[in-house]
N, C-alpha and C. Protein backbone atom coordinates (compact mmCIF):
# COMPACT_ATOMS: atom_id res chain seq x y z
N MET A 1 72.60 72.78 -12.55
CA MET A 1 71.70 73.80 -12.97
C MET A 1 70.29 73.28 -13.04
N GLY A 2 70.03 72.25 -13.03
CA GLY A 2 68.65 71.80 -13.10
C GLY A 2 68.12 71.39 -11.74
N ALA A 3 68.70 71.96 -10.66
CA ALA A 3 68.25 71.59 -9.32
C ALA A 3 66.86 72.15 -9.07
N THR A 4 66.08 71.34 -8.46
CA THR A 4 64.73 71.81 -8.14
C THR A 4 64.68 72.20 -6.66
N ILE A 5 64.01 73.26 -6.40
CA ILE A 5 63.86 73.73 -5.03
C ILE A 5 62.63 73.04 -4.44
N PRO A 6 62.84 72.40 -3.29
CA PRO A 6 61.68 71.71 -2.71
C PRO A 6 60.63 72.72 -2.28
N GLU A 7 59.42 72.31 -2.39
CA GLU A 7 58.31 73.18 -2.04
C GLU A 7 58.24 73.31 -0.52
N LYS A 8 58.12 74.55 -0.03
CA LYS A 8 58.06 74.78 1.41
C LYS A 8 56.66 74.47 1.92
N GLN A 9 56.65 73.71 2.99
CA GLN A 9 55.39 73.40 3.65
C GLN A 9 55.09 74.50 4.66
N PRO A 10 53.88 75.00 4.73
CA PRO A 10 53.58 76.03 5.72
C PRO A 10 53.67 75.43 7.13
N HIS A 11 54.24 76.22 8.03
CA HIS A 11 54.40 75.78 9.42
C HIS A 11 53.15 76.17 10.21
N ASN A 12 52.50 75.20 10.72
CA ASN A 12 51.32 75.46 11.53
C ASN A 12 51.66 75.17 12.99
N PRO A 13 51.78 76.23 13.82
CA PRO A 13 52.07 75.99 15.22
C PRO A 13 50.89 75.30 15.89
N PRO A 14 51.19 74.56 16.95
CA PRO A 14 50.09 73.88 17.63
C PRO A 14 49.11 74.92 18.19
N PRO A 15 47.86 74.56 18.26
CA PRO A 15 46.88 75.54 18.75
C PRO A 15 47.17 75.91 20.21
N LYS A 16 46.96 77.20 20.51
CA LYS A 16 47.20 77.68 21.86
C LYS A 16 46.12 77.14 22.79
N LYS A 17 46.60 76.77 23.98
CA LYS A 17 45.65 76.31 24.99
C LYS A 17 45.00 77.53 25.62
N LEU A 18 43.74 77.45 25.79
CA LEU A 18 43.04 78.53 26.45
C LEU A 18 43.26 78.41 27.95
N ARG A 19 43.71 79.49 28.52
CA ARG A 19 43.94 79.49 29.95
C ARG A 19 42.70 80.05 30.63
N SER A 20 42.46 79.52 31.77
CA SER A 20 41.33 80.00 32.54
C SER A 20 41.69 81.34 33.17
N VAL A 21 40.80 82.29 33.08
CA VAL A 21 41.04 83.59 33.68
C VAL A 21 40.58 83.61 35.13
N PHE A 22 39.95 82.56 35.57
CA PHE A 22 39.45 82.51 36.93
C PHE A 22 40.55 82.72 37.98
N PRO A 23 41.71 82.05 37.89
CA PRO A 23 42.75 82.29 38.91
C PRO A 23 43.21 83.75 38.94
N VAL A 24 43.30 84.39 37.79
CA VAL A 24 43.73 85.78 37.74
C VAL A 24 42.69 86.68 38.39
N ILE A 25 41.44 86.43 38.11
CA ILE A 25 40.36 87.23 38.71
C ILE A 25 40.33 87.02 40.22
N LEU A 26 40.48 85.77 40.64
CA LEU A 26 40.48 85.45 42.07
C LEU A 26 41.64 86.14 42.78
N ALA A 27 42.84 86.09 42.20
CA ALA A 27 44.01 86.74 42.79
C ALA A 27 43.79 88.25 42.88
N GLY A 28 43.24 88.83 41.84
CA GLY A 28 42.97 90.27 41.85
C GLY A 28 41.96 90.66 42.92
N ALA A 29 40.91 89.85 43.05
CA ALA A 29 39.89 90.13 44.08
C ALA A 29 40.48 90.02 45.47
N LEU A 30 41.32 89.01 45.71
CA LEU A 30 41.95 88.86 47.02
C LEU A 30 42.88 90.04 47.31
N PHE A 31 43.61 90.48 46.30
CA PHE A 31 44.50 91.63 46.47
C PHE A 31 43.70 92.87 46.86
N LEU A 32 42.59 93.12 46.17
CA LEU A 32 41.78 94.28 46.48
C LEU A 32 41.16 94.18 47.88
N LEU A 33 40.79 92.99 48.29
CA LEU A 33 40.23 92.78 49.62
C LEU A 33 41.27 93.10 50.70
N VAL A 34 42.49 92.60 50.50
CA VAL A 34 43.56 92.88 51.46
C VAL A 34 43.84 94.38 51.52
N CYS A 35 43.88 95.04 50.37
CA CYS A 35 44.11 96.49 50.35
C CYS A 35 42.99 97.22 51.09
N ALA A 36 41.75 96.79 50.88
CA ALA A 36 40.62 97.44 51.55
C ALA A 36 40.71 97.25 53.05
N LEU A 37 41.09 96.06 53.51
CA LEU A 37 41.22 95.83 54.94
C LEU A 37 42.32 96.69 55.53
N LYS A 38 43.43 96.80 54.84
CA LYS A 38 44.53 97.64 55.32
C LYS A 38 44.11 99.10 55.33
N TRP A 39 43.34 99.52 54.36
CA TRP A 39 42.86 100.90 54.28
C TRP A 39 42.00 101.21 55.51
N GLN A 40 41.16 100.28 55.91
CA GLN A 40 40.30 100.50 57.07
C GLN A 40 41.11 100.58 58.36
N ASP A 41 42.28 99.94 58.39
CA ASP A 41 43.14 100.03 59.57
C ASP A 41 43.74 101.42 59.71
N VAL A 42 43.85 102.14 58.60
CA VAL A 42 44.53 103.43 58.59
C VAL A 42 43.55 104.60 58.52
N VAL A 43 42.47 104.43 57.78
CA VAL A 43 41.54 105.54 57.52
C VAL A 43 40.16 105.20 58.08
N GLU A 44 39.54 106.22 58.71
CA GLU A 44 38.15 106.09 59.14
C GLU A 44 37.40 107.30 58.61
N TYR A 45 36.10 107.14 58.47
CA TYR A 45 35.28 108.22 57.95
C TYR A 45 34.44 108.82 59.07
N VAL A 46 34.56 110.13 59.25
CA VAL A 46 33.79 110.86 60.24
C VAL A 46 33.03 111.95 59.50
N ASN A 47 31.71 111.90 59.59
CA ASN A 47 30.85 112.85 58.86
C ASN A 47 31.18 112.87 57.37
N GLY A 48 31.46 111.71 56.82
CA GLY A 48 31.74 111.60 55.39
C GLY A 48 33.14 112.00 54.97
N GLU A 49 33.97 112.43 55.92
CA GLU A 49 35.34 112.83 55.59
C GLU A 49 36.33 111.79 56.07
N ALA A 50 37.29 111.49 55.22
CA ALA A 50 38.33 110.52 55.59
C ALA A 50 39.34 111.18 56.51
N GLN A 51 39.75 110.43 57.54
CA GLN A 51 40.80 110.90 58.44
C GLN A 51 41.55 109.69 58.97
N LEU A 52 42.75 109.94 59.45
CA LEU A 52 43.54 108.86 60.02
C LEU A 52 42.87 108.34 61.29
N THR A 53 43.03 107.04 61.51
CA THR A 53 42.53 106.48 62.76
C THR A 53 43.32 107.08 63.91
N GLN A 54 42.78 106.97 65.12
CA GLN A 54 43.43 107.53 66.29
C GLN A 54 44.83 106.95 66.45
N LYS A 55 44.96 105.65 66.22
CA LYS A 55 46.27 104.98 66.35
C LYS A 55 47.29 105.61 65.40
N HIS A 56 46.89 105.84 64.16
CA HIS A 56 47.82 106.39 63.18
C HIS A 56 48.08 107.88 63.40
N GLN A 57 47.11 108.59 63.97
CA GLN A 57 47.36 109.99 64.33
C GLN A 57 48.45 110.07 65.40
N GLN A 58 48.40 109.16 66.38
CA GLN A 58 49.42 109.14 67.42
C GLN A 58 50.79 108.78 66.85
N GLN A 59 50.81 107.81 65.93
CA GLN A 59 52.08 107.44 65.30
C GLN A 59 52.66 108.59 64.50
N LEU A 60 51.79 109.34 63.83
CA LEU A 60 52.23 110.48 63.04
C LEU A 60 52.87 111.55 63.93
N LYS A 61 52.33 111.74 65.11
CA LYS A 61 52.91 112.71 66.05
C LYS A 61 54.23 112.21 66.63
N LYS A 62 54.31 110.90 66.84
CA LYS A 62 55.48 110.31 67.47
C LYS A 62 56.68 110.22 66.53
N LYS A 63 56.46 109.90 65.26
CA LYS A 63 57.56 109.65 64.31
C LYS A 63 58.55 110.81 64.20
N PRO A 64 58.10 112.05 63.99
CA PRO A 64 59.10 113.14 63.88
C PRO A 64 59.93 113.29 65.15
N ASN A 65 59.32 113.05 66.31
CA ASN A 65 60.07 113.15 67.56
C ASN A 65 61.14 112.07 67.65
N GLU A 66 60.82 110.89 67.15
CA GLU A 66 61.81 109.80 67.16
C GLU A 66 63.05 110.18 66.37
N LEU A 67 62.86 110.90 65.30
CA LEU A 67 63.99 111.28 64.45
C LEU A 67 64.90 112.28 65.16
N GLU A 68 64.38 112.96 66.17
CA GLU A 68 65.16 113.94 66.91
C GLU A 68 65.94 113.32 68.06
N ASP A 69 65.48 112.18 68.56
CA ASP A 69 66.08 111.55 69.74
C ASP A 69 66.61 110.16 69.41
N ALA A 70 67.78 110.12 68.86
CA ALA A 70 68.40 108.85 68.49
C ALA A 70 69.70 108.68 69.27
N GLU A 71 70.22 107.47 69.23
CA GLU A 71 71.52 107.24 69.85
C GLU A 71 72.36 106.31 68.99
N GLN A 72 73.64 106.61 68.95
CA GLN A 72 74.61 105.75 68.28
C GLN A 72 75.28 104.97 69.39
N TYR A 73 75.34 103.64 69.22
CA TYR A 73 75.83 102.78 70.29
C TYR A 73 76.86 101.79 69.77
N ALA A 74 77.51 101.14 70.72
CA ALA A 74 78.42 100.04 70.40
C ALA A 74 78.03 98.87 71.30
N LEU A 75 78.09 97.67 70.76
CA LEU A 75 77.98 96.46 71.57
C LEU A 75 79.40 95.98 71.79
N VAL A 76 79.79 95.91 73.06
CA VAL A 76 81.17 95.65 73.43
C VAL A 76 81.30 94.29 74.10
N ALA A 77 82.35 93.56 73.75
CA ALA A 77 82.58 92.23 74.31
C ALA A 77 82.82 92.32 75.81
N MET A 78 82.13 91.47 76.55
CA MET A 78 82.27 91.41 78.01
C MET A 78 83.21 90.30 78.45
N LYS A 79 83.56 89.41 77.52
CA LYS A 79 84.51 88.35 77.84
C LYS A 79 85.31 88.04 76.58
N GLU A 80 86.48 87.49 76.76
CA GLU A 80 87.29 87.10 75.62
C GLU A 80 86.70 85.85 75.00
N GLY A 81 86.72 85.81 73.69
CA GLY A 81 86.20 84.62 73.04
C GLY A 81 85.83 84.86 71.60
N MET A 82 85.23 83.84 71.01
CA MET A 82 84.82 83.90 69.62
C MET A 82 83.42 84.49 69.52
N TYR A 83 83.27 85.47 68.62
CA TYR A 83 81.99 86.13 68.40
C TYR A 83 81.63 85.97 66.92
N PRO A 84 80.37 85.65 66.62
CA PRO A 84 79.98 85.50 65.22
C PRO A 84 79.88 86.85 64.52
N CYS A 85 80.21 86.87 63.25
CA CYS A 85 80.03 88.06 62.44
C CYS A 85 78.53 88.22 62.19
N LEU A 86 77.99 89.37 62.51
CA LEU A 86 76.55 89.58 62.35
C LEU A 86 76.15 89.78 60.89
N HIS A 87 77.11 90.04 60.02
CA HIS A 87 76.77 90.29 58.63
C HIS A 87 76.78 89.01 57.80
N SER A 88 77.81 88.19 57.97
CA SER A 88 77.88 86.98 57.16
C SER A 88 77.19 85.81 57.84
N GLY A 89 77.18 85.81 59.17
CA GLY A 89 76.57 84.71 59.90
C GLY A 89 77.42 83.45 59.90
N ARG A 90 78.54 83.49 59.21
CA ARG A 90 79.39 82.30 59.11
C ARG A 90 80.70 82.46 59.85
N ALA A 91 81.32 83.61 59.70
CA ALA A 91 82.66 83.82 60.24
C ALA A 91 82.61 84.07 61.75
N LEU A 92 83.64 83.61 62.42
CA LEU A 92 83.82 83.87 63.85
C LEU A 92 85.08 84.70 64.02
N TYR A 93 85.02 85.62 64.98
CA TYR A 93 86.16 86.48 65.25
C TYR A 93 86.46 86.46 66.74
N PHE A 94 87.74 86.49 67.07
CA PHE A 94 88.14 86.53 68.46
C PHE A 94 88.14 87.98 68.93
N LEU A 95 87.45 88.25 70.03
CA LEU A 95 87.43 89.58 70.60
C LEU A 95 87.96 89.54 72.02
N HIS A 96 88.72 90.56 72.39
CA HIS A 96 89.16 90.73 73.76
C HIS A 96 88.09 91.54 74.50
N ILE A 97 88.12 91.50 75.81
CA ILE A 97 87.18 92.28 76.61
C ILE A 97 87.32 93.75 76.23
N GLY A 98 86.21 94.39 75.98
CA GLY A 98 86.20 95.81 75.63
C GLY A 98 86.25 96.11 74.15
N GLU A 99 86.46 95.10 73.31
CA GLU A 99 86.47 95.35 71.87
C GLU A 99 85.04 95.38 71.34
N VAL A 100 84.86 96.16 70.28
CA VAL A 100 83.53 96.37 69.71
C VAL A 100 83.12 95.18 68.85
N TRP A 101 81.94 94.68 69.14
CA TRP A 101 81.34 93.61 68.33
C TRP A 101 80.48 94.21 67.24
N LYS A 102 79.78 95.31 67.55
CA LYS A 102 78.86 95.91 66.59
C LYS A 102 78.64 97.38 66.93
N TYR A 103 78.55 98.21 65.89
CA TYR A 103 78.10 99.59 66.03
C TYR A 103 76.68 99.66 65.50
N GLY A 104 75.90 100.57 66.04
CA GLY A 104 74.54 100.71 65.55
C GLY A 104 73.94 102.04 65.92
N VAL A 105 72.73 102.28 65.38
CA VAL A 105 71.96 103.48 65.64
C VAL A 105 70.53 103.04 65.90
N THR A 106 69.89 103.66 66.88
CA THR A 106 68.50 103.34 67.17
C THR A 106 67.76 104.56 67.67
N VAL A 107 66.46 104.56 67.45
CA VAL A 107 65.58 105.58 68.03
C VAL A 107 64.76 104.95 69.16
N LYS A 108 64.98 103.67 69.41
CA LYS A 108 64.19 102.94 70.39
C LYS A 108 64.87 102.81 71.75
N GLY A 109 66.12 103.17 71.85
CA GLY A 109 66.85 102.99 73.09
C GLY A 109 67.31 101.54 73.24
N GLU A 110 68.10 101.31 74.28
CA GLU A 110 68.68 99.97 74.49
C GLU A 110 67.61 98.89 74.61
N ARG A 111 66.64 99.09 75.46
CA ARG A 111 65.62 98.06 75.70
C ARG A 111 64.67 97.90 74.53
N GLY A 112 64.52 98.93 73.73
CA GLY A 112 63.67 98.81 72.54
C GLY A 112 64.39 98.10 71.40
N ARG A 113 65.71 98.11 71.45
CA ARG A 113 66.51 97.51 70.38
C ARG A 113 66.92 96.08 70.71
N TYR A 114 67.33 95.84 71.97
CA TYR A 114 67.82 94.52 72.37
C TYR A 114 67.17 94.10 73.68
N THR A 115 66.98 92.81 73.82
CA THR A 115 66.50 92.29 75.10
C THR A 115 67.70 92.03 76.00
N SER A 116 67.44 91.98 77.29
CA SER A 116 68.51 91.65 78.24
C SER A 116 69.07 90.27 77.93
N LEU A 117 68.18 89.37 77.53
CA LEU A 117 68.61 88.01 77.21
C LEU A 117 69.58 88.00 76.03
N PHE A 118 69.30 88.79 74.99
CA PHE A 118 70.19 88.87 73.84
C PHE A 118 71.58 89.35 74.26
N LEU A 119 71.61 90.42 75.04
CA LEU A 119 72.89 90.98 75.48
C LEU A 119 73.65 89.97 76.34
N GLN A 120 72.93 89.29 77.23
CA GLN A 120 73.56 88.30 78.11
C GLN A 120 74.06 87.09 77.33
N GLU A 121 73.23 86.55 76.44
CA GLU A 121 73.62 85.37 75.67
C GLU A 121 74.82 85.64 74.76
N ASN A 122 74.94 86.87 74.30
CA ASN A 122 76.05 87.21 73.40
C ASN A 122 77.23 87.83 74.13
N SER A 123 77.13 87.93 75.45
CA SER A 123 78.21 88.48 76.29
C SER A 123 78.67 89.85 75.81
N VAL A 124 77.69 90.73 75.58
CA VAL A 124 78.01 92.09 75.15
C VAL A 124 77.30 93.10 76.02
N GLN A 125 77.87 94.31 76.06
CA GLN A 125 77.27 95.41 76.79
C GLN A 125 76.93 96.52 75.80
N TYR A 126 75.78 97.13 75.98
CA TYR A 126 75.30 98.23 75.14
C TYR A 126 75.86 99.53 75.71
N ILE A 127 76.66 100.24 74.92
CA ILE A 127 77.26 101.50 75.38
C ILE A 127 76.88 102.61 74.40
N ILE A 128 76.23 103.64 74.93
CA ILE A 128 75.86 104.79 74.11
C ILE A 128 77.11 105.62 73.87
N GLN A 129 77.38 105.91 72.60
CA GLN A 129 78.56 106.70 72.25
C GLN A 129 78.20 108.12 71.83
N PHE A 130 76.96 108.31 71.35
CA PHE A 130 76.55 109.63 70.89
C PHE A 130 75.03 109.71 70.91
N LYS A 131 74.49 110.88 71.31
CA LYS A 131 73.05 111.13 71.26
C LYS A 131 72.82 112.37 70.41
N GLY A 132 71.77 112.33 69.59
CA GLY A 132 71.43 113.46 68.74
C GLY A 132 70.30 113.09 67.81
N THR A 133 70.21 113.80 66.70
CA THR A 133 69.19 113.47 65.71
C THR A 133 69.60 112.18 65.01
N LEU A 134 68.66 111.59 64.31
CA LEU A 134 68.96 110.36 63.58
C LEU A 134 70.10 110.58 62.59
N THR A 135 70.06 111.69 61.88
CA THR A 135 71.11 111.99 60.90
C THR A 135 72.47 112.12 61.58
N GLU A 136 72.52 112.83 62.70
CA GLU A 136 73.79 113.00 63.41
C GLU A 136 74.32 111.66 63.91
N CYS A 137 73.41 110.80 64.38
CA CYS A 137 73.83 109.49 64.88
C CYS A 137 74.33 108.59 63.75
N LEU A 138 73.69 108.68 62.59
CA LEU A 138 74.18 107.90 61.45
C LEU A 138 75.57 108.37 61.02
N GLN A 139 75.80 109.68 61.09
CA GLN A 139 77.12 110.21 60.77
C GLN A 139 78.15 109.76 61.80
N ALA A 140 77.77 109.76 63.07
CA ALA A 140 78.68 109.30 64.13
C ALA A 140 79.01 107.82 63.95
N GLU A 141 78.02 107.05 63.55
CA GLU A 141 78.26 105.62 63.31
C GLU A 141 79.26 105.42 62.18
N GLN A 142 79.10 106.16 61.10
CA GLN A 142 80.03 106.04 59.98
C GLN A 142 81.45 106.40 60.41
N LEU A 143 81.57 107.43 61.22
CA LEU A 143 82.88 107.83 61.74
C LEU A 143 83.49 106.70 62.55
N GLN A 144 82.69 106.07 63.41
CA GLN A 144 83.17 104.95 64.22
C GLN A 144 83.62 103.79 63.32
N LEU A 145 82.85 103.51 62.30
CA LEU A 145 83.19 102.40 61.40
C LEU A 145 84.51 102.65 60.68
N PHE A 146 84.71 103.88 60.21
CA PHE A 146 85.95 104.19 59.51
C PHE A 146 87.14 104.24 60.43
N GLU A 147 86.93 104.64 61.69
CA GLU A 147 88.04 104.73 62.64
C GLU A 147 88.25 103.43 63.41
N TYR A 148 87.44 102.44 63.17
CA TYR A 148 87.48 101.18 63.91
C TYR A 148 88.89 100.57 64.02
N PRO A 149 89.64 100.50 62.93
CA PRO A 149 90.96 99.87 63.04
C PRO A 149 91.92 100.60 63.99
N PHE A 150 91.66 101.87 64.27
CA PHE A 150 92.57 102.65 65.09
C PHE A 150 92.21 102.69 66.58
N CYS A 151 90.99 102.30 66.90
CA CYS A 151 90.57 102.33 68.31
C CYS A 151 89.64 101.16 68.59
N LEU A 152 90.22 99.99 68.70
CA LEU A 152 89.41 98.79 68.86
C LEU A 152 88.75 98.69 70.24
N LYS A 153 89.41 99.19 71.25
CA LYS A 153 88.85 99.03 72.60
C LYS A 153 88.10 100.28 73.01
N ILE A 154 86.94 100.04 73.61
CA ILE A 154 86.13 101.13 74.15
C ILE A 154 86.61 101.47 75.54
N TRP A 155 86.92 100.45 76.35
CA TRP A 155 87.36 100.65 77.74
C TRP A 155 88.32 99.59 78.13
């Protein structure tokens, strides 16, 4: 009963180091500069009014058309052998001639999507399976993926 409680010493945390704000200001200025440069690539002023640059006006006209003209394709093995899995990059799978290596959808066409060298080096052929809008082609691709176990060979 006669225990004495020791007196608590106030805890004084070490003083905070002042950080220089210069790096933050410099980073912010560089960010704004990059944004301004990108803005000039997209927008030009004519008679005080902002408008898209000619390049971006053409892209704007082209994009909706691309969505209307897509194709769903398959890359098919041209020789028997081991083919790498394009998703994991590690696994190898044996494919017979005519079996599908990859399904895909593109609005760029075969030559816009793959080079001849890529197709040749991987021993695959690009075969269009469906043409339509981008949405229709994505749906066709999903159908192919789900039905894959039942129809492995294209030809």
